[in-house]
Amino acid sequence: MRPIVYIPRDSGALALGAEKVVRALEKELEARGLDACIVRTGSRGLYWLEPMVEVETDDGRVAYGPVAPSDVAALFDAGFLKGGAHPLSLGKPEEIPYLKRQTRLTFARCGIIDPVSLADYEAHGGLRGLRNALAMTPLEIVEEVTESGLRGRGGAGFPTGIKWKTVHDTPADQKYIVCNADEGDSGTFADRMIMEGDPFVLIEGMTIAGIATGATRGYIYLRSEYPHAHQILNEAISVARQSGVLGPSVLGSQYAFDMEVRVGAGAYVCGEETALLDSLEGKRGMVRAKPPLPAHEGLFGKPTVINNVISLASTPIILDKGGPFYRDFGMGRSRGTIPIQIAGNVKHGGLFETAFGLTLGEIVDDIGGGTATGRPVRAVQVGGPLAPYFPRALFDTPFDYEAFAAKDGLIGHAGIVVFDDTVDMLKQARFAMEFCAVESCGKCTPCRIGSTRGMEVLDRLRNNVKPERQLEIVTDLCNTMKFGSLCALGGFAPYPVISALTHFPEDFRPTPVREAAE
């Protein structure tokens, strides 16, 4: 039997040298007169072990990592094509503690299959949800998603079933499904991982959404910084179209659905759904006032479902296993699983899919392994660059939408960025205002002007110019931005500032005080 070697083509693994390892493997195979099939997969999300090489054996897959090109000859010497022992051997990947503790539903195939092989996708449970959906009425599909308790995984946490029901109930000659793949939050990479490692699950999810709501056209709005995802998505869409999964008759049914990828121009604000729609229509991405809601008047004025990648990619498992199966995971109103992305100054950075309910401390200290530097964790930011900073005193907070909201936090896209005790929280607060100033679409005054004034005030505080006065001004400014901004960009920019002021006041009180003109 011809040996099969699996190496990720995921951009995280590529950044860590996966392509060089492939070339070294090919060269070594040729030099030794050996033959093996090299399959390019997505990443399993254990990035501290990438590039991770896996080989198929009689007893299942055996993993090795992190592999450098210089390690390849020694791997062959150790007989790795048959799972031989080597210092880089990790054993069976599913037995690695980081993976074994996970509940992989949405990411079940990531790192396992060839992302552009529809046969591989089907062999691992793909298209079962779509086939079940085709045997149901559109309203039954909507009810199944509603029963699952799935909420928007892009950050807002809005119930997916309610959004689909609104579009389903709105009469129109044309409806659209728009996938928000403009993944711009710091420390987030779940969307990219699924698009590069299992794109057919997104295609299947969007098709199910189209059948459920009466939409016949879909668009994936992809951030420009994801060229590998762009290539893989286009390959997968082409395969799906040729295989009859997409087109005028989805899998031979009465339903028509097709889709395409559109690439954004790098504006963070286009992650907001109405700014995204403007950009998709060829306009400058600026936030629209609501109402009307996109579910009533969205893309080109037509009813539109806008969900993020993970929301849509989670629907095939719901239609396959049923709404109650998915709902049984999680806690409170946070049902199902959530792909937590652990990044920053952390020992074990990667993706960890699990049911809602783990505490923040368990995620950072136990799963993440603490800081990469070995220094104490001082702060953690959950939910992107405009999210609050949590100190260790809040590490008992369960990973749950309502539990985080009760502590003035937000889960957002579930990206966690870890900081050790060398972090300067005044500098981090200033960065939040600068980020907002750079990324503001300029439509509303609190965001456009407030963020710039915020930078100025924090700079004066840094320079010890009437610090008590600056603290008073920045607090008032944050309240104005929070309640007066048109969208979450300006509305959330105060969160990291206020949380840093609240939990780390010592970083905002430089001494001695120097009087100067404001």
Protein backbone atom coordinates (compact mmCIF):
# COMPACT_ATOMS: atom_id res chain seq x y z
CA MET A 1 0.00 0.00 0.00
CA ARG A 2 1.29 3.43 -0.95
CA PRO A 3 2.06 5.50 2.19
CA ILE A 4 -0.03 8.65 2.67
CA VAL A 5 1.52 11.72 4.27
CA TYR A 6 -0.65 14.67 5.35
CA ILE A 7 0.74 18.21 5.56
CA PRO A 8 -1.37 21.38 6.04
CA ARG A 9 -1.76 23.98 3.30
CA ASP A 10 -3.37 26.28 5.89
CA SER A 11 -1.76 29.72 5.87
CA GLY A 12 -0.81 29.45 9.55
CA ALA A 13 1.19 26.30 8.80
CA LEU A 14 2.60 27.89 5.64
CA ALA A 15 3.82 30.86 7.67
CA LEU A 16 5.68 28.41 9.90
CA GLY A 17 7.42 26.68 6.99
CA ALA A 18 5.06 23.92 5.79
CA GLU A 19 5.93 24.47 2.12
CA LYS A 20 9.64 24.05 2.82
CA VAL A 21 8.89 20.81 4.66
CA VAL A 22 6.92 19.54 1.65
CA ARG A 23 9.83 20.25 -0.66
CA ALA A 24 12.23 18.53 1.74
CA LEU A 25 9.93 15.48 1.88
CA GLU A 26 9.67 15.29 -1.91
CA LYS A 27 13.43 15.60 -2.25
CA GLU A 28 14.05 12.88 0.34
CA LEU A 29 11.51 10.53 -1.26
CA GLU A 30 13.26 10.94 -4.60
CA ALA A 31 16.75 10.45 -3.12
CA ARG A 32 15.70 7.26 -1.35
CA GLY A 33 13.73 5.89 -4.31
CA LEU A 34 10.54 5.80 -2.25
CA ASP A 35 6.97 6.53 -3.29
CA ALA A 36 4.34 8.22 -1.12
CA CYS A 37 1.19 10.26 -1.64
CA ILE A 38 1.36 13.73 -0.08
CA VAL A 39 -2.09 15.13 0.76
CA ARG A 40 -2.42 18.81 1.65
CA THR A 41 -4.98 19.36 4.39
CA GLY A 42 -6.06 22.22 6.60
CA SER A 43 -4.57 22.68 10.05
CA ARG A 44 -5.92 20.99 13.14
CA GLY A 45 -5.27 24.30 14.91
CA LEU A 46 -2.39 23.31 17.20
CA TYR A 47 -0.17 26.09 15.92
CA TRP A 48 2.69 25.60 18.38
CA LEU A 49 3.14 22.17 16.75
CA GLU A 50 3.01 23.36 13.14
CA PRO A 51 4.17 22.32 10.66
CA MET A 52 2.62 19.05 11.85
CA VAL A 53 3.14 16.07 9.54
CA GLU A 54 0.86 13.04 9.79
CA VAL A 55 1.25 9.62 8.20
CA GLU A 56 -1.39 6.94 7.68
CA THR A 57 -0.52 3.62 9.34
CA ASP A 58 -2.36 0.33 9.88
CA ASP A 59 -3.26 1.63 13.34
CA GLY A 60 -4.47 5.05 12.18
CA ARG A 61 -2.62 8.31 11.76
CA VAL A 62 0.58 9.18 13.60
CA ALA A 63 1.66 12.81 13.94
CA TYR A 64 5.09 14.46 14.10
CA GLY A 65 5.78 18.08 14.90
CA PRO A 66 6.82 20.75 14.77
CA VAL A 67 8.82 19.55 11.76
CA ALA A 68 11.59 21.63 10.16
CA PRO A 69 13.14 20.79 6.78
CA SER A 70 16.31 19.74 8.63
CA ASP A 71 14.31 17.08 10.51
CA VAL A 72 13.06 15.28 7.40
CA ALA A 73 16.06 12.95 6.80
CA ALA A 74 16.01 11.81 10.43
CA LEU A 75 12.28 11.10 10.17
CA PHE A 76 12.91 8.79 7.24
CA ASP A 77 15.77 7.13 9.11
CA ALA A 78 13.34 6.45 11.97
CA GLY A 79 10.81 4.89 9.59
CA PHE A 80 8.16 7.55 10.04
CA LEU A 81 6.30 6.35 6.93
CA LYS A 82 5.28 3.40 9.10
CA GLY A 83 4.81 5.45 12.27
CA GLY A 84 8.31 4.86 13.63
CA ALA A 85 9.49 6.35 16.92
CA HIS A 86 11.23 9.73 16.76
CA PRO A 87 11.73 12.63 19.23
CA LEU A 88 9.15 14.64 17.22
CA SER A 89 6.55 11.89 17.39
CA LEU A 90 3.26 13.03 18.89
CA GLY A 91 1.45 9.71 18.64
CA LYS A 92 -2.13 9.59 17.41
CA PRO A 93 -3.25 13.21 16.86
CA GLU A 94 -6.66 12.63 18.41
CA GLU A 95 -4.90 11.52 21.61
CA ILE A 96 -2.95 14.78 21.97
CA PRO A 97 -4.49 16.28 25.16
CA TYR A 98 -5.24 19.63 23.47
CA LEU A 99 -7.32 17.84 20.81
CA LYS A 100 -8.72 15.10 23.03
CA ARG A 101 -10.40 17.65 25.33
CA GLN A 102 -12.25 19.33 22.48
CA THR A 103 -15.79 18.80 21.21
CA ARG A 104 -15.31 19.20 17.50
CA LEU A 105 -18.60 19.62 15.64
CA THR A 106 -18.03 22.50 13.21
CA PHE A 107 -14.31 21.74 12.90
CA ALA A 108 -14.65 17.94 12.86
CA ARG A 109 -12.94 17.59 9.46
CA CYS A 110 -10.34 20.36 9.73
CA GLY A 111 -6.84 18.95 9.40
CA ILE A 112 -8.20 15.56 8.35
CA ILE A 113 -9.49 15.92 4.79
CA ASP A 114 -8.25 17.35 1.51
CA PRO A 115 -10.20 20.64 1.57
CA VAL A 116 -11.04 20.61 -2.15
CA SER A 117 -12.02 16.93 -2.42
CA LEU A 118 -15.80 16.59 -2.37
CA ALA A 119 -15.43 12.80 -2.14
CA ASP A 120 -13.27 13.22 0.97
CA TYR A 121 -15.84 15.62 2.42
CA GLU A 122 -18.71 13.18 1.86
CA ALA A 123 -16.70 10.26 3.23
CA HIS A 124 -16.42 12.18 6.51
CA GLY A 125 -20.13 13.02 6.87
CA GLY A 126 -20.44 15.95 4.48
CA LEU A 127 -23.70 16.80 2.64
CA ARG A 128 -25.84 14.77 5.07
CA GLY A 129 -27.30 17.97 6.50
CA LEU A 130 -28.10 19.33 3.03
CA ARG A 131 -29.74 16.09 1.96
CA ASN A 132 -31.88 16.14 5.11
CA ALA A 133 -32.78 19.77 4.43
CA LEU A 134 -33.94 18.91 0.90
CA ALA A 135 -36.45 16.46 2.41
CA MET A 136 -37.90 19.20 4.65
CA THR A 137 -39.96 22.32 4.01
CA PRO A 138 -38.14 25.66 4.27
CA LEU A 139 -40.03 26.50 7.45
CA GLU A 140 -39.08 23.15 9.01
CA ILE A 141 -35.41 23.95 8.33
CA VAL A 142 -35.80 27.34 10.01
CA GLU A 143 -37.51 25.72 13.00
CA GLU A 144 -34.68 23.16 13.35
CA VAL A 145 -32.06 25.93 13.41
CA THR A 146 -34.17 27.91 15.88
CA GLU A 147 -34.53 24.86 18.14
CA SER A 148 -30.76 24.35 18.13
CA GLY A 149 -30.25 27.69 19.91
CA LEU A 150 -27.52 28.70 17.44
CA ARG A 151 -26.56 32.34 17.85
CA GLY A 152 -24.43 34.48 15.57
CA ARG A 153 -20.79 33.51 16.07
CA GLY A 154 -19.52 36.73 14.54
CA GLY A 155 -19.89 38.67 17.75
CA ALA A 156 -23.44 39.97 18.20
CA GLY A 157 -24.83 36.63 19.35
CA PHE A 158 -28.20 37.22 17.65
CA PRO A 159 -30.34 34.04 17.31
CA THR A 160 -29.76 32.65 13.82
CA GLY A 161 -33.20 31.09 13.54
CA ILE A 162 -34.95 34.42 14.12
CA LYS A 163 -32.89 36.08 11.40
CA TRP A 164 -33.68 33.27 8.95
CA LYS A 165 -37.39 33.35 9.86
CA THR A 166 -37.55 37.10 9.16
CA VAL A 167 -36.07 36.65 5.68
CA HIS A 168 -38.26 33.59 5.08
CA ASP A 169 -41.39 35.60 5.93
CA THR A 170 -40.46 38.67 3.86
CA PRO A 171 -41.87 38.41 0.33
CA ALA A 172 -39.52 39.37 -2.52
CA ASP A 173 -38.63 38.33 -6.06
CA GLN A 174 -34.98 37.91 -5.02
CA LYS A 175 -33.29 37.11 -1.72
CA TYR A 176 -29.62 36.76 -0.81
CA ILE A 177 -27.36 34.89 1.60
CA VAL A 178 -24.26 36.91 2.51
CA CYS A 179 -21.42 35.32 4.44
CA ASN A 180 -19.40 37.80 6.46
CA ALA A 181 -15.84 36.48 6.10
CA ASP A 182 -14.22 39.83 6.87
CA GLU A 183 -12.49 38.38 9.94
CA GLY A 184 -10.68 41.44 11.26
CA ASP A 185 -10.54 41.06 15.05
CA SER A 186 -7.15 40.62 16.66
CA GLY A 187 -6.43 37.06 17.73
CA THR A 188 -9.09 35.52 15.47
CA PHE A 189 -8.52 32.92 12.79
CA ALA A 190 -11.44 30.46 13.03
CA ASP A 191 -13.08 31.71 9.82
CA ARG A 192 -9.81 31.41 7.93
CA MET A 193 -9.21 27.92 9.30
CA ILE A 194 -12.62 26.64 8.19
CA MET A 195 -12.39 28.27 4.74
CA GLU A 196 -8.92 26.85 4.15
CA GLY A 197 -9.47 23.49 5.83
CA ASP A 198 -13.11 22.59 5.15
CA PRO A 199 -14.68 25.01 2.64
CA PHE A 200 -17.46 22.61 1.64
CA VAL A 201 -19.04 22.91 5.09
CA LEU A 202 -19.46 26.64 4.48
CA ILE A 203 -20.84 26.02 1.00
CA GLU A 204 -23.26 23.44 2.42
CA GLY A 205 -24.34 25.79 5.21
CA MET A 206 -24.98 28.68 2.83
CA THR A 207 -26.99 26.39 0.53
CA ILE A 208 -29.11 25.20 3.46
CA ALA A 209 -29.72 28.85 4.41
CA GLY A 210 -30.74 29.61 0.83
CA ILE A 211 -33.26 26.77 0.72
CA ALA A 212 -34.64 27.73 4.13
CA THR A 213 -35.23 31.39 3.26
CA GLY A 214 -35.96 31.30 -0.47
CA ALA A 215 -32.64 32.85 -1.47
CA THR A 216 -31.05 31.69 -4.71
CA ARG A 217 -27.82 33.65 -4.63
CA GLY A 218 -24.99 33.79 -2.12
CA TYR A 219 -21.89 35.93 -1.64
CA ILE A 220 -18.87 35.32 0.55
CA TYR A 221 -17.42 38.70 1.50
CA LEU A 222 -13.79 37.81 2.14
CA ARG A 223 -11.10 40.00 3.66
CA SER A 224 -8.32 40.85 1.23
CA GLU A 225 -5.63 39.55 3.59
CA TYR A 226 -6.79 35.94 3.00
CA PRO A 227 -5.41 35.02 -0.46
CA HIS A 228 -5.07 31.31 0.37
CA ALA A 229 -8.69 31.15 1.55
CA HIS A 230 -9.73 32.94 -1.63
CA GLN A 231 -8.01 30.35 -3.81
CA ILE A 232 -9.35 27.35 -1.89
CA LEU A 233 -12.91 28.73 -1.76
CA ASN A 234 -12.93 29.30 -5.51
CA GLU A 235 -11.63 25.77 -6.11
CA ALA A 236 -14.28 24.29 -3.82
CA ILE A 237 -17.12 26.34 -5.32
CA SER A 238 -16.09 25.21 -8.80
CA VAL A 239 -16.08 21.55 -7.67
CA ALA A 240 -19.47 21.97 -5.97
CA ARG A 241 -20.92 23.52 -9.11
CA GLN A 242 -19.57 20.76 -11.35
CA SER A 243 -20.94 18.12 -8.96
CA GLY A 244 -24.45 19.59 -8.84
CA VAL A 245 -24.25 20.77 -5.24
CA LEU A 246 -24.60 24.32 -6.56
CA GLY A 247 -26.54 25.48 -9.58
CA PRO A 248 -30.11 25.52 -10.97
CA SER A 249 -30.98 22.19 -9.30
CA VAL A 250 -29.24 21.59 -5.96
CA LEU A 251 -28.50 17.83 -5.83
CA GLY A 252 -31.25 17.29 -8.41
CA SER A 253 -33.91 19.11 -6.37
CA GLN A 254 -36.35 21.90 -7.22
CA TYR A 255 -34.13 24.43 -5.43
CA ALA A 256 -31.60 26.65 -7.16
CA PHE A 257 -28.63 28.16 -5.35
CA ASP A 258 -25.26 29.48 -6.47
CA MET A 259 -22.58 31.65 -4.91
CA GLU A 260 -19.36 33.54 -5.49
CA VAL A 261 -16.55 35.14 -3.52
CA ARG A 262 -16.11 38.90 -3.34
CA VAL A 263 -12.96 40.40 -1.81
CA GLY A 264 -13.04 43.49 0.40
CA ALA A 265 -10.48 46.27 0.40
CA GLY A 266 -9.21 46.00 3.97
CA ALA A 267 -11.64 48.16 5.97
CA TYR A 268 -12.35 46.92 9.50
CA VAL A 269 -15.70 48.70 9.53
CA CYS A 270 -16.87 46.44 6.68
CA GLY A 271 -17.16 43.70 9.25
CA GLU A 272 -20.30 45.59 10.32
CA GLU A 273 -23.13 44.11 8.28
CA THR A 274 -24.54 47.26 6.68
CA ALA A 275 -21.11 48.67 5.78
CA LEU A 276 -20.35 45.26 4.29
CA LEU A 277 -23.48 45.51 2.13
CA ASP A 278 -22.48 48.94 0.84
CA SER A 279 -19.03 47.60 -0.05
CA LEU A 280 -20.57 44.54 -1.72
CA GLU A 281 -22.69 46.86 -3.83
CA GLY A 282 -19.58 48.69 -5.00
CA LYS A 283 -19.95 51.70 -2.73
CA ARG A 284 -17.68 53.06 -0.03
CA GLY A 285 -18.22 50.92 3.08
CA MET A 286 -20.19 53.12 5.46
CA VAL A 287 -22.61 52.13 8.20
CA ARG A 288 -26.30 52.42 7.37
CA ALA A 289 -28.86 53.63 9.87
CA LYS A 290 -31.41 51.02 10.99
CA PRO A 291 -34.25 50.43 10.27
CA PRO A 292 -34.67 49.04 7.72
CA LEU A 293 -32.95 45.85 8.80
CA PRO A 294 -30.97 43.89 6.21
CA ALA A 295 -33.42 41.02 6.70
CA HIS A 296 -36.05 43.30 5.13
CA GLU A 297 -33.95 45.49 2.85
CA GLY A 298 -30.39 44.30 2.55
CA LEU A 299 -28.22 43.68 -0.51
CA PHE A 300 -29.55 45.72 -3.44
CA GLY A 301 -32.60 46.49 -1.29
CA LYS A 302 -33.66 42.82 -1.10
CA PRO A 303 -34.19 40.59 1.98
CA THR A 304 -30.78 39.30 3.02
CA VAL A 305 -29.43 36.84 5.56
CA ILE A 306 -26.05 38.02 6.82
CA ASN A 307 -24.25 35.48 8.97
CA ASN A 308 -20.60 35.00 9.71
CA VAL A 309 -18.59 31.98 8.54
CA ILE A 310 -18.87 29.93 11.73
CA SER A 311 -22.63 30.49 12.05
CA LEU A 312 -23.22 29.17 8.53
CA ALA A 313 -20.66 26.38 8.88
CA SER A 314 -22.44 25.19 12.03
CA THR A 315 -25.79 24.60 10.32
CA PRO A 316 -24.88 21.35 8.46
CA ILE A 317 -24.27 19.53 11.76
CA ILE A 318 -27.61 20.84 13.05
CA LEU A 319 -29.48 19.55 9.99
CA ASP A 320 -27.54 16.28 10.17
CA LYS A 321 -27.92 15.52 13.89
CA GLY A 322 -30.96 17.66 14.71
CA GLY A 323 -31.54 20.85 16.67
CA PRO A 324 -31.83 19.11 20.08
CA PHE A 325 -28.44 17.40 19.56
CA TYR A 326 -26.73 20.76 19.09
CA ARG A 327 -28.71 22.44 21.87
CA ASP A 328 -27.57 19.85 24.39
CA PHE A 329 -24.08 21.39 24.38
CA GLY A 330 -23.43 24.63 26.23
CA MET A 331 -25.03 26.54 29.11
CA GLY A 332 -27.83 29.05 29.63
CA ARG A 333 -28.74 30.77 26.38
CA SER A 334 -25.34 29.96 24.88
CA ARG A 335 -25.93 26.67 23.11
CA GLY A 336 -23.71 24.44 21.00
CA THR A 337 -19.96 24.75 20.63
CA ILE A 338 -17.72 27.75 20.18
CA PRO A 339 -14.32 27.76 18.42
CA ILE A 340 -12.13 29.62 20.90
CA GLN A 341 -9.01 31.13 19.35
CA ILE A 342 -6.14 31.42 21.82
CA ALA A 343 -3.42 33.90 20.80
CA GLY A 344 -1.01 36.53 22.04
CA ASN A 345 1.64 35.80 24.66
CA VAL A 346 0.53 32.21 25.23
CA LYS A 347 2.31 28.87 25.30
CA HIS A 348 -0.25 26.81 23.37
CA GLY A 349 -1.79 29.14 20.80
CA GLY A 350 -4.43 27.63 18.57
CA LEU A 351 -8.09 26.82 18.03
CA PHE A 352 -10.04 25.00 20.73
CA GLU A 353 -13.65 24.05 19.92
CA THR A 354 -15.70 23.26 22.98
CA ALA A 355 -19.15 23.69 24.48
CA PHE A 356 -19.84 27.01 26.20
CA GLY A 357 -19.13 26.96 29.92
CA LEU A 358 -15.39 26.68 30.54
CA THR A 359 -14.05 29.50 32.69
CA LEU A 360 -11.66 32.07 31.28
CA GLY A 361 -9.01 30.86 33.70
CA GLU A 362 -9.32 27.27 32.48
CA ILE A 363 -8.90 28.41 28.90
CA VAL A 364 -5.86 30.63 29.53
CA ASP A 365 -4.01 28.70 32.23
CA ASP A 366 -4.94 25.09 31.58
CA ILE A 367 -5.61 24.84 27.85
CA GLY A 368 -3.40 27.72 26.74
CA GLY A 369 -0.66 26.76 29.20
CA GLY A 370 -0.09 30.29 30.50
CA THR A 371 2.27 32.76 28.86
CA ALA A 372 4.96 31.85 26.35
CA THR A 373 7.41 34.01 28.31
CA GLY A 374 6.71 32.17 31.55
CA ARG A 375 5.79 35.43 33.27
CA PRO A 376 2.45 35.88 35.08
CA VAL A 377 -0.67 36.64 33.04
CA ARG A 378 -1.75 40.19 33.74
CA ALA A 379 -4.59 40.83 31.29
CA VAL A 380 -6.66 39.03 28.69
CA GLN A 381 -8.67 40.65 25.92
CA VAL A 382 -11.61 38.59 24.68
CA GLY A 383 -13.59 39.66 21.61
CA GLY A 384 -11.26 41.71 19.44
CA PRO A 385 -9.41 45.04 19.58
CA LEU A 386 -12.47 46.91 20.90
CA ALA A 387 -13.20 44.47 23.72
CA PRO A 388 -12.54 44.98 27.44
CA TYR A 389 -9.43 43.77 29.22
CA PHE A 390 -10.08 41.22 31.96
CA PRO A 391 -7.70 40.95 34.94
CA ARG A 392 -7.00 37.69 36.74
CA ALA A 393 -9.71 38.60 39.27
CA LEU A 394 -12.31 37.89 36.54
CA PHE A 395 -10.84 34.58 35.38
CA ASP A 396 -13.68 32.68 37.05
CA THR A 397 -16.09 34.07 34.42
CA PRO A 398 -17.72 31.26 32.39
CA PHE A 399 -17.31 31.50 28.62
CA ASP A 400 -20.94 32.41 27.98
CA TYR A 401 -22.55 35.42 26.28
CA GLU A 402 -24.59 36.50 29.30
CA ALA A 403 -21.87 35.75 31.86
CA PHE A 404 -19.42 37.96 29.97
CA ALA A 405 -22.00 40.72 29.47
CA ALA A 406 -22.65 40.71 33.23
CA LYS A 407 -18.96 41.59 33.74
CA ASP A 408 -19.10 44.33 31.06
CA GLY A 409 -17.32 42.00 28.63
CA LEU A 410 -18.14 40.42 25.32
CA ILE A 411 -17.26 37.14 23.65
CA GLY A 412 -17.35 38.59 20.14
CA HIS A 413 -15.74 36.23 17.65
CA ALA A 414 -14.19 34.30 20.58
CA GLY A 415 -10.62 35.47 20.04
CA ILE A 416 -8.52 35.56 23.22
CA VAL A 417 -5.32 37.62 23.36
CA VAL A 418 -3.10 37.03 26.40
CA PHE A 419 -0.72 39.61 27.93
CA ASP A 420 1.92 39.06 30.61
CA ASP A 421 2.86 41.43 33.43
CA THR A 422 5.07 43.61 31.21
CA VAL A 423 2.09 45.05 29.31
CA ASP A 424 1.49 48.81 29.55
CA MET A 425 -2.28 49.24 29.86
CA LEU A 426 -2.20 52.98 29.16
CA LYS A 427 -0.51 52.14 25.86
CA GLN A 428 -3.19 49.51 25.15
CA ALA A 429 -5.97 52.02 25.89
CA ARG A 430 -4.37 54.53 23.55
CA PHE A 431 -4.15 51.84 20.85
CA ALA A 432 -7.93 51.29 21.06
CA MET A 433 -8.58 54.95 20.32
CA GLU A 434 -5.98 54.99 17.54
CA PHE A 435 -7.47 51.85 15.99
CA CYS A 436 -10.93 53.43 16.01
CA ALA A 437 -9.60 56.66 14.48
CA VAL A 438 -7.86 54.80 11.66
CA GLU A 439 -10.77 52.46 10.92
CA SER A 440 -13.72 54.84 11.37
CA CYS A 441 -15.89 55.20 8.27
CA GLY A 442 -16.41 58.84 9.28
CA LYS A 443 -20.18 58.84 9.15
CA CYS A 444 -20.89 59.74 12.78
CA THR A 445 -19.22 62.42 14.89
CA PRO A 446 -18.70 60.52 18.17
CA CYS A 447 -16.60 57.87 16.42
CA ARG A 448 -14.84 60.10 13.88
CA ILE A 449 -13.92 62.95 16.23
CA GLY A 450 -14.10 61.21 19.59
CA SER A 451 -11.44 58.65 18.78
CA THR A 452 -8.96 61.34 17.70
CA ARG A 453 -9.67 63.42 20.81
CA GLY A 454 -9.26 60.23 22.85
CA MET A 455 -5.73 59.74 21.53
CA GLU A 456 -4.86 63.33 22.37
CA VAL A 457 -6.20 63.08 25.92
CA LEU A 458 -4.35 59.82 26.60
CA ASP A 459 -1.15 61.33 25.18
CA ARG A 460 -1.50 64.23 27.63
CA LEU A 461 -2.05 61.71 30.40
CA ARG A 462 1.08 59.85 29.32
CA ASN A 463 3.00 63.14 29.50
CA ASN A 464 1.63 63.78 33.00
CA VAL A 465 -0.26 66.91 32.00
CA LYS A 466 -2.97 67.49 34.64
CA PRO A 467 -3.64 63.75 34.93
CA GLU A 468 -6.79 64.04 37.05
CA ARG A 469 -8.32 66.37 34.46
CA GLN A 470 -7.40 64.00 31.62
CA LEU A 471 -8.98 61.05 33.43
CA GLU A 472 -12.18 63.06 33.84
CA ILE A 473 -12.20 64.03 30.14
CA VAL A 474 -11.48 60.55 28.82
CA THR A 475 -14.23 59.03 30.98
CA ASP A 476 -16.76 61.57 29.69
CA LEU A 477 -15.54 61.06 26.12
CA CYS A 478 -15.95 57.28 26.40
CA ASN A 479 -19.56 57.67 27.55
CA THR A 480 -20.29 59.95 24.58
CA MET A 481 -18.79 57.47 22.12
CA LYS A 482 -20.46 54.47 23.76
CA PHE A 483 -23.98 55.86 23.61
CA GLY A 484 -23.74 58.22 20.65
CA SER A 485 -21.98 56.23 17.93
CA LEU A 486 -23.93 54.84 15.01
CA CYS A 487 -22.36 51.37 15.10
CA ALA A 488 -20.27 49.12 17.33
CA LEU A 489 -16.93 50.48 16.09
CA GLY A 490 -17.31 53.77 17.93
CA GLY A 491 -19.64 52.25 20.51
CA PHE A 492 -17.17 49.59 21.59
CA ALA A 493 -13.91 51.57 21.37
CA PRO A 494 -14.46 52.86 24.95
CA TYR A 495 -14.65 49.31 26.37
CA PRO A 496 -10.90 48.57 26.38
CA VAL A 497 -10.21 52.08 27.65
CA ILE A 498 -12.68 51.97 30.55
CA SER A 499 -11.73 48.39 31.49
CA ALA A 500 -8.04 49.32 31.55
CA LEU A 501 -8.83 52.35 33.70
CA THR A 502 -10.99 50.27 36.04
CA HIS A 503 -8.80 47.20 36.50
CA PHE A 504 -5.32 48.68 36.03
CA PRO A 505 -5.55 52.23 37.45
CA GLU A 506 -1.87 52.21 38.46
CA ASP A 507 -0.87 52.48 34.79
CA PHE A 508 -2.83 55.73 34.42
CA ARG A 509 -1.32 57.64 37.33
CA PRO A 510 2.19 58.71 36.40
CA THR A 511 4.12 60.87 38.86
CA PRO A 512 5.22 63.52 39.54
CA VAL A 513 2.44 65.78 38.28
CA ARG A 514 3.52 68.51 35.86
CA GLU A 515 1.21 71.42 35.17
CA ALA A 516 1.06 72.59 31.57
CA ALA A 517 -1.34 74.24 29.18
CA GLU A 518 -3.92 71.93 27.67
